[in-house]
Amino acid sequence: VAMRSCPEEKYWDSLLNGCMSCRPICAQRRPSTCTAFCKSLSCLKEQGKYYDRLLKDCVSCTPICGQHPKPCEYFCENKLRSRVNLPPQLRRPQMGETETRSDNSGRYQGLEHRGSEAGP
């Protein structure tokens, strides 16, 4: 019986003649076809890390926050919110503030407040 193609999270079990889930065997000795899946599962357990399928390794979200991939979104958003003195360009506008923009010369103008204190 020839080995059949299974999805990444499964492996071919020749005794059962079918694709089996890698998840239950990640903690044990596992078939080489489950290595990437099991490594990605272990990355999910580590806060602030994600599994990069291209690098086939766990990657820390910390140095890439601000230009992070979707798996780092929750970690990076919470990290940014927890910082006290964020540069204005990394801070989300507060209620009553407009977003930061640069003028035509490319200079940073900062946050502007809307409301009754605005001049003519």
PDB file of N, CA and C in Angstrom:
ATOM      1  N   VAL A   1       0.854  -1.188   0.000  1.00  0.00           N
ATOM      2  CA  VAL A   1       0.000   0.000   0.000  1.00  0.00           C
ATOM      3  C   VAL A   1       0.892   1.241   0.000  1.00  0.00           C
ATOM      4  N   ALA A   2       0.691   2.120  -0.936  1.00  0.00           N
ATOM      5  CA  ALA A   2       1.489   3.346  -1.059  1.00  0.00           C
ATOM      6  C   ALA A   2       1.036   4.384  -0.041  1.00  0.00           C
ATOM      7  N   MET A   3       2.005   5.210   0.412  1.00  0.00           N
ATOM      8  CA  MET A   3       1.690   6.278   1.356  1.00  0.00           C
ATOM      9  C   MET A   3       0.880   7.347   0.632  1.00  0.00           C
ATOM     10  N   ARG A   4      -0.179   7.765   1.241  1.00  0.00           N
ATOM     11  CA  ARG A   4      -1.042   8.781   0.640  1.00  0.00           C
ATOM     12  C   ARG A   4      -0.655  10.162   1.158  1.00  0.00           C
ATOM     13  N   SER A   5      -1.091  11.171   0.460  1.00  0.00           N
ATOM     14  CA  SER A   5      -0.832  12.551   0.855  1.00  0.00           C
ATOM     15  C   SER A   5      -1.833  12.974   1.928  1.00  0.00           C
ATOM     16  N   CYS A   6      -1.309  13.533   3.004  1.00  0.00           N
ATOM     17  CA  CYS A   6      -2.156  14.005   4.107  1.00  0.00           C
ATOM     18  C   CYS A   6      -1.919  15.496   4.306  1.00  0.00           C
ATOM     19  N   PRO A   7      -2.897  16.210   4.878  1.00  0.00           N
ATOM     20  CA  PRO A   7      -2.688  17.630   5.199  1.00  0.00           C
ATOM     21  C   PRO A   7      -1.543  17.781   6.206  1.00  0.00           C
ATOM     22  N   GLU A   8      -1.024  19.000   6.335  1.00  0.00           N
ATOM     23  CA  GLU A   8       0.133  19.267   7.194  1.00  0.00           C
ATOM     24  C   GLU A   8      -0.066  18.818   8.639  1.00  0.00           C
ATOM     25  N   GLU A   9      -1.280  18.941   9.151  1.00  0.00           N
ATOM     26  CA  GLU A   9      -1.526  18.611  10.559  1.00  0.00           C
ATOM     27  C   GLU A   9      -1.798  17.122  10.776  1.00  0.00           C
ATOM     28  N   LYS A  10      -1.627  16.324   9.722  1.00  0.00           N
ATOM     29  CA  LYS A  10      -1.874  14.880   9.822  1.00  0.00           C
ATOM     30  C   LYS A  10      -0.712  14.099   9.222  1.00  0.00           C
ATOM     31  N   TYR A  11      -0.637  12.830   9.549  1.00  0.00           N
ATOM     32  CA  TYR A  11       0.375  11.952   8.982  1.00  0.00           C
ATOM     33  C   TYR A  11      -0.288  10.665   8.518  1.00  0.00           C
ATOM     34  N   TRP A  12       0.377   9.966   7.611  1.00  0.00           N
ATOM     35  CA  TRP A  12      -0.163   8.717   7.083  1.00  0.00           C
ATOM     36  C   TRP A  12       0.205   7.575   8.010  1.00  0.00           C
ATOM     37  N   ASP A  13      -0.795   6.870   8.509  1.00  0.00           N
ATOM     38  CA  ASP A  13      -0.586   5.689   9.344  1.00  0.00           C
ATOM     39  C   ASP A  13      -0.846   4.468   8.471  1.00  0.00           C
ATOM     40  N   SER A  14       0.221   3.728   8.188  1.00  0.00           N
ATOM     41  CA  SER A  14       0.087   2.585   7.278  1.00  0.00           C
ATOM     42  C   SER A  14      -0.669   1.423   7.915  1.00  0.00           C
ATOM     43  N   LEU A  15      -0.653   1.311   9.256  1.00  0.00           N
ATOM     44  CA  LEU A  15      -1.422   0.245   9.909  1.00  0.00           C
ATOM     45  C   LEU A  15      -2.918   0.503   9.811  1.00  0.00           C
ATOM     46  N   LEU A  16      -3.298   1.751  10.042  1.00  0.00           N
ATOM     47  CA  LEU A  16      -4.718   2.107   9.981  1.00  0.00           C
ATOM     48  C   LEU A  16      -5.146   2.473   8.565  1.00  0.00           C
ATOM     49  N   ASN A  17      -4.157   2.600   7.678  1.00  0.00           N
ATOM     50  CA  ASN A  17      -4.419   2.921   6.283  1.00  0.00           C
ATOM     51  C   ASN A  17      -5.211   4.228   6.135  1.00  0.00           C
ATOM     52  N   GLY A  18      -4.735   5.258   6.852  1.00  0.00           N
ATOM     53  CA  GLY A  18      -5.421   6.544   6.783  1.00  0.00           C
ATOM     54  C   GLY A  18      -4.600   7.666   7.394  1.00  0.00           C
ATOM     55  N   CYS A  19      -5.059   8.878   7.177  1.00  0.00           N
ATOM     56  CA  CYS A  19      -4.422  10.064   7.753  1.00  0.00           C
ATOM     57  C   CYS A  19      -4.845  10.198   9.210  1.00  0.00           C
ATOM     58  N   MET A  20      -3.869  10.407  10.083  1.00  0.00           N
ATOM     59  CA  MET A  20      -4.133  10.548  11.512  1.00  0.00           C
ATOM     60  C   MET A  20      -3.651  11.923  11.977  1.00  0.00           C
ATOM     61  N   SER A  21      -4.313  12.475  12.985  1.00  0.00           N
ATOM     62  CA  SER A  21      -3.955  13.788  13.510  1.00  0.00           C
ATOM     63  C   SER A  21      -2.608  13.738  14.228  1.00  0.00           C
ATOM     64  N   CYS A  22      -1.777  14.751  14.010  1.00  0.00           N
ATOM     65  CA  CYS A  22      -0.489  14.857  14.695  1.00  0.00           C
ATOM     66  C   CYS A  22      -0.661  15.319  16.142  1.00  0.00           C
ATOM     67  N   ARG A  23      -1.707  16.067  16.429  1.00  0.00           N
ATOM     68  CA  ARG A  23      -1.891  16.697  17.735  1.00  0.00           C
ATOM     69  C   ARG A  23      -1.689  15.752  18.924  1.00  0.00           C
ATOM     70  N   PRO A  24      -2.320  14.572  18.952  1.00  0.00           N
ATOM     71  CA  PRO A  24      -2.161  13.714  20.132  1.00  0.00           C
ATOM     72  C   PRO A  24      -0.744  13.160  20.320  1.00  0.00           C
ATOM     73  N   ILE A  25       0.068  13.166  19.286  1.00  0.00           N
ATOM     74  CA  ILE A  25       1.390  12.562  19.414  1.00  0.00           C
ATOM     75  C   ILE A  25       2.521  13.585  19.465  1.00  0.00           C
ATOM     76  N   CYS A  26       2.212  14.866  19.525  1.00  0.00           N
ATOM     77  CA  CYS A  26       3.259  15.889  19.532  1.00  0.00           C
ATOM     78  C   CYS A  26       4.191  15.752  20.737  1.00  0.00           C
ATOM     79  N   ALA A  27       3.688  15.344  21.878  1.00  0.00           N
ATOM     80  CA  ALA A  27       4.513  15.209  23.076  1.00  0.00           C
ATOM     81  C   ALA A  27       5.343  13.926  23.048  1.00  0.00           C
ATOM     82  N   GLN A  28       5.008  13.004  22.169  1.00  0.00           N
ATOM     83  CA  GLN A  28       5.714  11.724  22.084  1.00  0.00           C
ATOM     84  C   GLN A  28       6.671  11.737  20.897  1.00  0.00           C
ATOM     85  N   ARG A  29       7.261  10.599  20.658  1.00  0.00           N
ATOM     86  CA  ARG A  29       8.055  10.431  19.437  1.00  0.00           C
ATOM     87  C   ARG A  29       7.075  10.518  18.275  1.00  0.00           C
ATOM     88  N   ARG A  30       7.373  11.353  17.325  1.00  0.00           N
ATOM     89  CA  ARG A  30       6.394  11.599  16.267  1.00  0.00           C
ATOM     90  C   ARG A  30       6.994  11.348  14.887  1.00  0.00           C
ATOM     91  N   PRO A  31       6.148  11.055  13.931  1.00  0.00           N
ATOM     92  CA  PRO A  31       6.637  10.901  12.557  1.00  0.00           C
ATOM     93  C   PRO A  31       7.204  12.226  12.051  1.00  0.00           C
ATOM     94  N   SER A  32       8.186  12.173  11.182  1.00  0.00           N
ATOM     95  CA  SER A  32       8.819  13.392  10.673  1.00  0.00           C
ATOM     96  C   SER A  32       7.823  14.300   9.960  1.00  0.00           C
ATOM     97  N   THR A  33       6.757  13.738   9.444  1.00  0.00           N
ATOM     98  CA  THR A  33       5.755  14.560   8.763  1.00  0.00           C
ATOM     99  C   THR A  33       5.010  15.468   9.731  1.00  0.00           C
ATOM    100  N   CYS A  34       5.071  15.183  11.024  1.00  0.00           N
ATOM    101  CA  CYS A  34       4.389  16.012  12.027  1.00  0.00           C
ATOM    102  C   CYS A  34       5.310  17.066  12.642  1.00  0.00           C
ATOM    103  N   THR A  35       6.576  17.053  12.327  1.00  0.00           N
ATOM    104  CA  THR A  35       7.537  17.941  12.976  1.00  0.00           C
ATOM    105  C   THR A  35       7.125  19.408  12.893  1.00  0.00           C
ATOM    106  N   ALA A  36       6.834  19.908  11.712  1.00  0.00           N
ATOM    107  CA  ALA A  36       6.474  21.320  11.546  1.00  0.00           C
ATOM    108  C   ALA A  36       5.186  21.648  12.291  1.00  0.00           C
ATOM    109  N   PHE A  37       4.192  20.772  12.194  1.00  0.00           N
ATOM    110  CA  PHE A  37       2.926  21.024  12.882  1.00  0.00           C
ATOM    111  C   PHE A  37       3.137  21.077  14.391  1.00  0.00           C
ATOM    112  N   CYS A  38       3.861  20.112  14.939  1.00  0.00           N
ATOM    113  CA  CYS A  38       4.088  20.071  16.385  1.00  0.00           C
ATOM    114  C   CYS A  38       4.900  21.278  16.852  1.00  0.00           C
ATOM    115  N   LYS A  39       5.861  21.702  16.047  1.00  0.00           N
ATOM    116  CA  LYS A  39       6.642  22.886  16.402  1.00  0.00           C
ATOM    117  C   LYS A  39       5.749  24.124  16.402  1.00  0.00           C
ATOM    118  N   SER A  40       4.846  24.218  15.435  1.00  0.00           N
ATOM    119  CA  SER A  40       3.937  25.369  15.394  1.00  0.00           C
ATOM    120  C   SER A  40       3.017  25.374  16.610  1.00  0.00           C
ATOM    121  N   LEU A  41       2.590  24.194  17.059  1.00  0.00           N
ATOM    122  CA  LEU A  41       1.762  24.105  18.270  1.00  0.00           C
ATOM    123  C   LEU A  41       2.533  24.589  19.486  1.00  0.00           C
ATOM    124  N   SER A  42       3.794  24.204  19.595  1.00  0.00           N
ATOM    125  CA  SER A  42       4.587  24.626  20.751  1.00  0.00           C
ATOM    126  C   SER A  42       4.816  26.136  20.733  1.00  0.00           C
ATOM    127  N   CYS A  43       4.930  26.733  19.551  1.00  0.00           N
ATOM    128  CA  CYS A  43       5.082  28.194  19.450  1.00  0.00           C
ATOM    129  C   CYS A  43       3.840  28.906  19.977  1.00  0.00           C
ATOM    130  N   LEU A  44       2.678  28.353  19.695  1.00  0.00           N
ATOM    131  CA  LEU A  44       1.428  28.966  20.153  1.00  0.00           C
ATOM    132  C   LEU A  44       1.354  29.024  21.672  1.00  0.00           C
ATOM    133  N   LYS A  45       2.037  28.108  22.345  1.00  0.00           N
ATOM    134  CA  LYS A  45       2.024  28.065  23.808  1.00  0.00           C
ATOM    135  C   LYS A  45       2.931  29.123  24.416  1.00  0.00           C
ATOM    136  N   GLU A  46       3.860  29.668  23.623  1.00  0.00           N
ATOM    137  CA  GLU A  46       4.791  30.672  24.120  1.00  0.00           C
ATOM    138  C   GLU A  46       4.258  32.062  23.801  1.00  0.00           C
ATOM    139  N   GLN A  47       4.029  32.849  24.848  1.00  0.00           N
ATOM    140  CA  GLN A  47       3.491  34.193  24.659  1.00  0.00           C
ATOM    141  C   GLN A  47       4.473  35.053  23.862  1.00  0.00           C
ATOM    142  N   GLY A  48       3.945  35.770  22.877  1.00  0.00           N
ATOM    143  CA  GLY A  48       4.763  36.677  22.091  1.00  0.00           C
ATOM    144  C   GLY A  48       5.582  36.002  21.009  1.00  0.00           C
ATOM    145  N   LYS A  49       5.194  34.788  20.629  1.00  0.00           N
ATOM    146  CA  LYS A  49       5.894  34.079  19.551  1.00  0.00           C
ATOM    147  C   LYS A  49       4.879  33.509  18.582  1.00  0.00           C
ATOM    148  N   TYR A  50       5.326  33.295  17.359  1.00  0.00           N
ATOM    149  CA  TYR A  50       4.487  32.652  16.355  1.00  0.00           C
ATOM    150  C   TYR A  50       5.366  31.759  15.494  1.00  0.00           C
ATOM    151  N   TYR A  51       4.744  30.832  14.794  1.00  0.00           N
ATOM    152  CA  TYR A  51       5.486  29.928  13.924  1.00  0.00           C
ATOM    153  C   TYR A  51       5.509  30.502  12.519  1.00  0.00           C
ATOM    154  N   ASP A  52       6.692  30.744  12.006  1.00  0.00           N
ATOM    155  CA  ASP A  52       6.860  31.247  10.650  1.00  0.00           C
ATOM    156  C   ASP A  52       7.045  30.052   9.726  1.00  0.00           C
ATOM    157  N   ARG A  53       6.094  29.850   8.832  1.00  0.00           N
ATOM    158  CA  ARG A  53       6.124  28.678   7.943  1.00  0.00           C
ATOM    159  C   ARG A  53       7.263  28.748   6.931  1.00  0.00           C
ATOM    160  N   LEU A  54       7.681  29.944   6.569  1.00  0.00           N
ATOM    161  CA  LEU A  54       8.789  30.080   5.632  1.00  0.00           C
ATOM    162  C   LEU A  54      10.119  29.722   6.309  1.00  0.00           C
ATOM    163  N   LEU A  55      10.325  30.253   7.516  1.00  0.00           N
ATOM    164  CA  LEU A  55      11.549  29.963   8.262  1.00  0.00           C
ATOM    165  C   LEU A  55      11.504  28.600   8.950  1.00  0.00           C
ATOM    166  N   LYS A  56      10.288  28.068   9.110  1.00  0.00           N
ATOM    167  CA  LYS A  56      10.057  26.805   9.822  1.00  0.00           C
ATOM    168  C   LYS A  56      10.644  26.872  11.228  1.00  0.00           C
ATOM    169  N   ASP A  57      10.299  27.978  11.924  1.00  0.00           N
ATOM    170  CA  ASP A  57      10.820  28.192  13.266  1.00  0.00           C
ATOM    171  C   ASP A  57       9.916  29.152  14.033  1.00  0.00           C
ATOM    172  N   CYS A  58      10.068  29.134  15.370  1.00  0.00           N
ATOM    173  CA  CYS A  58       9.362  30.088  16.224  1.00  0.00           C
ATOM    174  C   CYS A  58      10.061  31.440  16.098  1.00  0.00           C
ATOM    175  N   VAL A  59       9.281  32.493  15.984  1.00  0.00           N
ATOM    176  CA  VAL A  59       9.823  33.839  15.847  1.00  0.00           C
ATOM    177  C   VAL A  59       9.206  34.709  16.934  1.00  0.00           C
ATOM    178  N   SER A  60      10.035  35.520  17.582  1.00  0.00           N
ATOM    179  CA  SER A  60       9.557  36.444  18.603  1.00  0.00           C
ATOM    180  C   SER A  60       8.856  37.624  17.945  1.00  0.00           C
ATOM    181  N   CYS A  61       7.713  38.011  18.496  1.00  0.00           N
ATOM    182  CA  CYS A  61       6.963  39.154  17.974  1.00  0.00           C
ATOM    183  C   CYS A  61       7.585  40.485  18.404  1.00  0.00           C
ATOM    184  N   THR A  62       8.290  40.502  19.526  1.00  0.00           N
ATOM    185  CA  THR A  62       8.788  41.742  20.108  1.00  0.00           C
ATOM    186  C   THR A  62       9.553  42.631  19.133  1.00  0.00           C
ATOM    187  N   PRO A  63      10.566  42.126  18.415  1.00  0.00           N
ATOM    188  CA  PRO A  63      11.313  43.043  17.547  1.00  0.00           C
ATOM    189  C   PRO A  63      10.564  43.476  16.286  1.00  0.00           C
ATOM    190  N   ILE A  64       9.450  42.852  15.981  1.00  0.00           N
ATOM    191  CA  ILE A  64       8.739  43.201  14.745  1.00  0.00           C
ATOM    192  C   ILE A  64       7.406  43.893  14.989  1.00  0.00           C
ATOM    193  N   CYS A  65       7.090  44.224  16.251  1.00  0.00           N
ATOM    194  CA  CYS A  65       5.847  44.945  16.541  1.00  0.00           C
ATOM    195  C   CYS A  65       5.858  46.267  15.779  1.00  0.00           C
ATOM    196  N   GLY A  66       4.741  46.589  15.189  1.00  0.00           N
ATOM    197  CA  GLY A  66       4.633  47.772  14.341  1.00  0.00           C
ATOM    198  C   GLY A  66       4.648  47.383  12.875  1.00  0.00           C
ATOM    199  N   GLN A  67       5.329  46.286  12.568  1.00  0.00           N
ATOM    200  CA  GLN A  67       5.349  45.735  11.212  1.00  0.00           C
ATOM    201  C   GLN A  67       5.102  44.237  11.315  1.00  0.00           C
ATOM    202  N   HIS A  68       4.256  43.867  12.249  1.00  0.00           N
ATOM    203  CA  HIS A  68       4.055  42.464  12.606  1.00  0.00           C
ATOM    204  C   HIS A  68       3.031  41.759  11.719  1.00  0.00           C
ATOM    205  N   PRO A  69       3.191  40.434  11.597  1.00  0.00           N
ATOM    206  CA  PRO A  69       2.184  39.636  10.888  1.00  0.00           C
ATOM    207  C   PRO A  69       0.969  39.419  11.786  1.00  0.00           C
ATOM    208  N   LYS A  70      -0.103  38.953  11.219  1.00  0.00           N
ATOM    209  CA  LYS A  70      -1.358  38.740  11.941  1.00  0.00           C
ATOM    210  C   LYS A  70      -1.194  37.923  13.231  1.00  0.00           C
ATOM    211  N   PRO A  71      -0.398  36.845  13.249  1.00  0.00           N
ATOM    212  CA  PRO A  71      -0.283  36.073  14.495  1.00  0.00           C
ATOM    213  C   PRO A  71       0.277  36.876  15.671  1.00  0.00           C
ATOM    214  N   CYS A  72       0.973  37.974  15.416  1.00  0.00           N
ATOM    215  CA  CYS A  72       1.533  38.803  16.488  1.00  0.00           C
ATOM    216  C   CYS A  72       0.606  39.951  16.883  1.00  0.00           C
ATOM    217  N   GLU A  73      -0.496  40.101  16.192  1.00  0.00           N
ATOM    218  CA  GLU A  73      -1.363  41.263  16.385  1.00  0.00           C
ATOM    219  C   GLU A  73      -1.782  41.446  17.845  1.00  0.00           C
ATOM    220  N   TYR A  74      -2.299  40.407  18.473  1.00  0.00           N
ATOM    221  CA  TYR A  74      -2.776  40.510  19.854  1.00  0.00           C
ATOM    222  C   TYR A  74      -1.635  40.912  20.791  1.00  0.00           C
ATOM    223  N   PHE A  75      -0.495  40.251  20.658  1.00  0.00           N
ATOM    224  CA  PHE A  75       0.657  40.542  21.511  1.00  0.00           C
ATOM    225  C   PHE A  75       1.129  41.979  21.321  1.00  0.00           C
ATOM    226  N   CYS A  76       1.313  42.388  20.082  1.00  0.00           N
ATOM    227  CA  CYS A  76       1.831  43.730  19.796  1.00  0.00           C
ATOM    228  C   CYS A  76       0.849  44.827  20.199  1.00  0.00           C
ATOM    229  N   GLU A  77      -0.440  44.619  19.955  1.00  0.00           N
ATOM    230  CA  GLU A  77      -1.446  45.613  20.353  1.00  0.00           C
ATOM    231  C   GLU A  77      -1.416  45.812  21.868  1.00  0.00           C
ATOM    232  N   ASN A  78      -1.350  44.725  22.621  1.00  0.00           N
ATOM    233  CA  ASN A  78      -1.314  44.826  24.082  1.00  0.00           C
ATOM    234  C   ASN A  78      -0.009  45.430  24.564  1.00  0.00           C
ATOM    235  N   LYS A  79       1.084  45.119  23.895  1.00  0.00           N
ATOM    236  CA  LYS A  79       2.377  45.676  24.263  1.00  0.00           C
ATOM    237  C   LYS A  79       2.362  47.183  24.067  1.00  0.00           C
ATOM    238  N   LEU A  80       1.808  47.628  22.938  1.00  0.00           N
ATOM    239  CA  LEU A  80       1.746  49.060  22.663  1.00  0.00           C
ATOM    240  C   LEU A  80       0.844  49.780  23.658  1.00  0.00           C
ATOM    241  N   ARG A  81      -0.263  49.164  24.010  1.00  0.00           N
ATOM    242  CA  ARG A  81      -1.185  49.800  24.964  1.00  0.00           C
ATOM    243  C   ARG A  81      -0.570  49.914  26.348  1.00  0.00           C
ATOM    244  N   SER A  82       0.320  48.988  26.698  1.00  0.00           N
ATOM    245  CA  SER A  82       0.885  48.977  28.042  1.00  0.00           C
ATOM    246  C   SER A  82       2.035  49.967  28.203  1.00  0.00           C
ATOM    247  N   ARG A  83       2.575  50.492  27.104  1.00  0.00           N
ATOM    248  CA  ARG A  83       3.660  51.467  27.196  1.00  0.00           C
ATOM    249  C   ARG A  83       3.103  52.807  27.650  1.00  0.00           C
ATOM    250  N   VAL A  84       3.842  53.467  28.526  1.00  0.00           N
ATOM    251  CA  VAL A  84       3.371  54.740  29.059  1.00  0.00           C
ATOM    252  C   VAL A  84       3.684  55.897  28.121  1.00  0.00           C
ATOM    253  N   ASN A  85       4.903  56.029  27.683  1.00  0.00           N
ATOM    254  CA  ASN A  85       5.322  57.172  26.866  1.00  0.00           C
ATOM    255  C   ASN A  85       5.560  56.760  25.422  1.00  0.00           C
ATOM    256  N   LEU A  86       4.495  56.499  24.717  1.00  0.00           N
ATOM    257  CA  LEU A  86       4.609  56.123  23.307  1.00  0.00           C
ATOM    258  C   LEU A  86       4.866  57.351  22.448  1.00  0.00           C
ATOM    259  N   PRO A  87       5.692  57.217  21.424  1.00  0.00           N
ATOM    260  CA  PRO A  87       5.792  58.311  20.458  1.00  0.00           C
ATOM    261  C   PRO A  87       4.426  58.501  19.805  1.00  0.00           C
ATOM    262  N   PRO A  88       4.033  59.715  19.487  1.00  0.00           N
ATOM    263  CA  PRO A  88       2.695  59.963  18.939  1.00  0.00           C
ATOM    264  C   PRO A  88       2.372  59.141  17.703  1.00  0.00           C
ATOM    265  N   GLN A  89       3.371  58.840  16.857  1.00  0.00           N
ATOM    266  CA  GLN A  89       3.075  58.087  15.641  1.00  0.00           C
ATOM    267  C   GLN A  89       2.705  56.634  15.929  1.00  0.00           C
ATOM    268  N   LEU A  90       3.030  56.111  17.107  1.00  0.00           N
ATOM    269  CA  LEU A  90       2.652  54.743  17.463  1.00  0.00           C
ATOM    270  C   LEU A  90       1.375  54.689  18.284  1.00  0.00           C
ATOM    271  N   ARG A  91       0.937  55.855  18.765  1.00  0.00           N
ATOM    272  CA  ARG A  91      -0.233  55.910  19.624  1.00  0.00           C
ATOM    273  C   ARG A  91      -1.491  56.049  18.793  1.00  0.00           C
ATOM    274  N   ARG A  92      -2.542  55.351  19.191  1.00  0.00           N
ATOM    275  CA  ARG A  92      -3.835  55.526  18.526  1.00  0.00           C
ATOM    276  C   ARG A  92      -4.454  56.826  19.016  1.00  0.00           C
ATOM    277  N   PRO A  93      -5.138  57.546  18.135  1.00  0.00           N
ATOM    278  CA  PRO A  93      -5.757  58.802  18.569  1.00  0.00           C
ATOM    279  C   PRO A  93      -6.771  58.570  19.684  1.00  0.00           C
ATOM    280  N   GLN A  94      -6.750  59.448  20.670  1.00  0.00           N
ATOM    281  CA  GLN A  94      -7.708  59.406  21.770  1.00  0.00           C
ATOM    282  C   GLN A  94      -9.007  60.051  21.298  1.00  0.00           C
ATOM    283  N   MET A  95     -10.064  59.892  22.066  1.00  0.00           N
ATOM    284  CA  MET A  95     -11.340  60.518  21.749  1.00  0.00           C
ATOM    285  C   MET A  95     -11.123  62.025  21.648  1.00  0.00           C
ATOM    286  N   GLY A  96     -11.573  62.638  20.553  1.00  0.00           N
ATOM    287  CA  GLY A  96     -11.439  64.077  20.386  1.00  0.00           C
ATOM    288  C   GLY A  96     -10.156  64.504  19.693  1.00  0.00           C
ATOM    289  N   GLU A  97      -9.305  63.546  19.287  1.00  0.00           N
ATOM    290  CA  GLU A  97      -8.079  63.888  18.589  1.00  0.00           C
ATOM    291  C   GLU A  97      -8.151  63.373  17.157  1.00  0.00           C
ATOM    292  N   THR A  98      -7.535  64.104  16.247  1.00  0.00           N
ATOM    293  CA  THR A  98      -7.441  63.612  14.875  1.00  0.00           C
ATOM    294  C   THR A  98      -6.135  62.857  14.735  1.00  0.00           C
ATOM    295  N   GLU A  99      -6.033  62.062  13.691  1.00  0.00           N
ATOM    296  CA  GLU A  99      -4.807  61.301  13.477  1.00  0.00           C
ATOM    297  C   GLU A  99      -3.656  62.227  13.129  1.00  0.00           C
ATOM    298  N   THR A 100      -2.426  61.736  13.369  1.00  0.00           N
ATOM    299  CA  THR A 100      -1.242  62.524  13.039  1.00  0.00           C
ATOM    300  C   THR A 100      -1.048  62.536  11.535  1.00  0.00           C
ATOM    301  N   ARG A 101      -0.618  63.671  11.042  1.00  0.00           N
ATOM    302  CA  ARG A 101      -0.357  63.806   9.613  1.00  0.00           C
ATOM    303  C   ARG A 101       0.874  64.685   9.450  1.00  0.00           C
ATOM    304  N   SER A 102       1.528  64.571   8.342  1.00  0.00           N
ATOM    305  CA  SER A 102       2.631  65.485   8.066  1.00  0.00           C
ATOM    306  C   SER A 102       2.139  66.540   7.085  1.00  0.00           C
ATOM    307  N   ASP A 103       2.730  67.754   7.180  1.00  0.00           N
ATOM    308  CA  ASP A 103       2.321  68.795   6.249  1.00  0.00           C
ATOM    309  C   ASP A 103       3.021  68.565   4.912  1.00  0.00           C
ATOM    310  N   ASN A 104       2.848  69.474   3.971  1.00  0.00           N
ATOM    311  CA  ASN A 104       3.399  69.288   2.626  1.00  0.00           C
ATOM    312  C   ASN A 104       4.915  69.178   2.611  1.00  0.00           C
ATOM    313  N   SER A 105       5.600  69.753   3.607  1.00  0.00           N
ATOM    314  CA  SER A 105       7.061  69.679   3.635  1.00  0.00           C
ATOM    315  C   SER A 105       7.535  68.370   4.254  1.00  0.00           C
ATOM    316  N   GLY A 106       6.613  67.534   4.724  1.00  0.00           N
ATOM    317  CA  GLY A 106       6.983  66.247   5.300  1.00  0.00           C
ATOM    318  C   GLY A 106       7.271  66.310   6.789  1.00  0.00           C
ATOM    319  N   ARG A 107       7.110  67.505   7.382  1.00  0.00           N
ATOM    320  CA  ARG A 107       7.372  67.629   8.815  1.00  0.00           C
ATOM    321  C   ARG A 107       6.211  67.074   9.617  1.00  0.00           C
ATOM    322  N   TYR A 108       6.525  66.571  10.775  1.00  0.00           N
ATOM    323  CA  TYR A 108       5.532  65.998  11.668  1.00  0.00           C
ATOM    324  C   TYR A 108       4.746  67.111  12.340  1.00  0.00           C
ATOM    325  N   GLN A 109       3.420  67.016  12.345  1.00  0.00           N
ATOM    326  CA  GLN A 109       2.614  68.067  12.956  1.00  0.00           C
ATOM    327  C   GLN A 109       2.025  67.665  14.296  1.00  0.00           C
ATOM    328  N   GLY A 110       1.985  66.409  14.634  1.00  0.00           N
ATOM    329  CA  GLY A 110       1.462  65.984  15.925  1.00  0.00           C
ATOM    330  C   GLY A 110      -0.042  65.860  15.939  1.00  0.00           C
ATOM    331  N   LEU A 111      -0.571  65.529  17.113  1.00  0.00           N
ATOM    332  CA  LEU A 111      -2.009  65.352  17.278  1.00  0.00           C
ATOM    333  C   LEU A 111      -2.679  66.705  17.476  1.00  0.00           C
ATOM    334  N   GLU A 112      -3.842  66.855  16.895  1.00  0.00           N
ATOM    335  CA  GLU A 112      -4.609  68.080  17.058  1.00  0.00           C
ATOM    336  C   GLU A 112      -5.869  67.754  17.830  1.00  0.00           C
ATOM    337  N   HIS A 113      -6.284  68.651  18.689  1.00  0.00           N
ATOM    338  CA  HIS A 113      -7.527  68.455  19.430  1.00  0.00           C
ATOM    339  C   HIS A 113      -8.670  69.119  18.684  1.00  0.00           C
ATOM    340  N   ARG A 114      -9.798  68.418  18.628  1.00  0.00           N
ATOM    341  CA  ARG A 114     -11.009  68.993  18.052  1.00  0.00           C
ATOM    342  C   ARG A 114     -11.874  69.502  19.193  1.00  0.00           C
ATOM    343  N   GLY A 115     -12.714  70.433  18.914  1.00  0.00           N
ATOM    344  CA  GLY A 115     -13.652  70.859  19.943  1.00  0.00           C
ATOM    345  C   GLY A 115     -13.709  72.358  20.073  1.00  0.00           C
ATOM    346  N   SER A 116     -14.245  72.829  21.222  1.00  0.00           N
ATOM    347  CA  SER A 116     -14.509  74.246  21.416  1.00  0.00           C
ATOM    348  C   SER A 116     -13.233  75.072  21.496  1.00  0.00           C
ATOM    349  N   GLU A 117     -12.084  74.455  21.871  1.00  0.00           N
ATOM    350  CA  GLU A 117     -10.877  75.256  21.999  1.00  0.00           C
ATOM    351  C   GLU A 117     -10.182  75.512  20.661  1.00  0.00           C
ATOM    352  N   ALA A 118     -10.703  74.976  19.579  1.00  0.00           N
ATOM    353  CA  ALA A 118     -10.094  75.177  18.256  1.00  0.00           C
ATOM    354  C   ALA A 118     -10.271  76.627  17.834  1.00  0.00           C
ATOM    355  N   GLY A 119      -9.223  77.227  17.270  1.00  0.00           N
ATOM    356  CA  GLY A 119      -9.252  78.626  16.850  1.00  0.00           C
ATOM    357  C   GLY A 119      -9.841  78.785  15.466  1.00  0.00           C
ATOM    358  N   PRO A 120      -9.968  80.042  14.993  1.00  0.00           N
ATOM    359  CA  PRO A 120     -10.564  80.316  13.671  1.00  0.00           C
ATOM    360  C   PRO A 120      -9.679  79.888  12.537  1.00  0.00           C
TER     361      PRO A 120
END
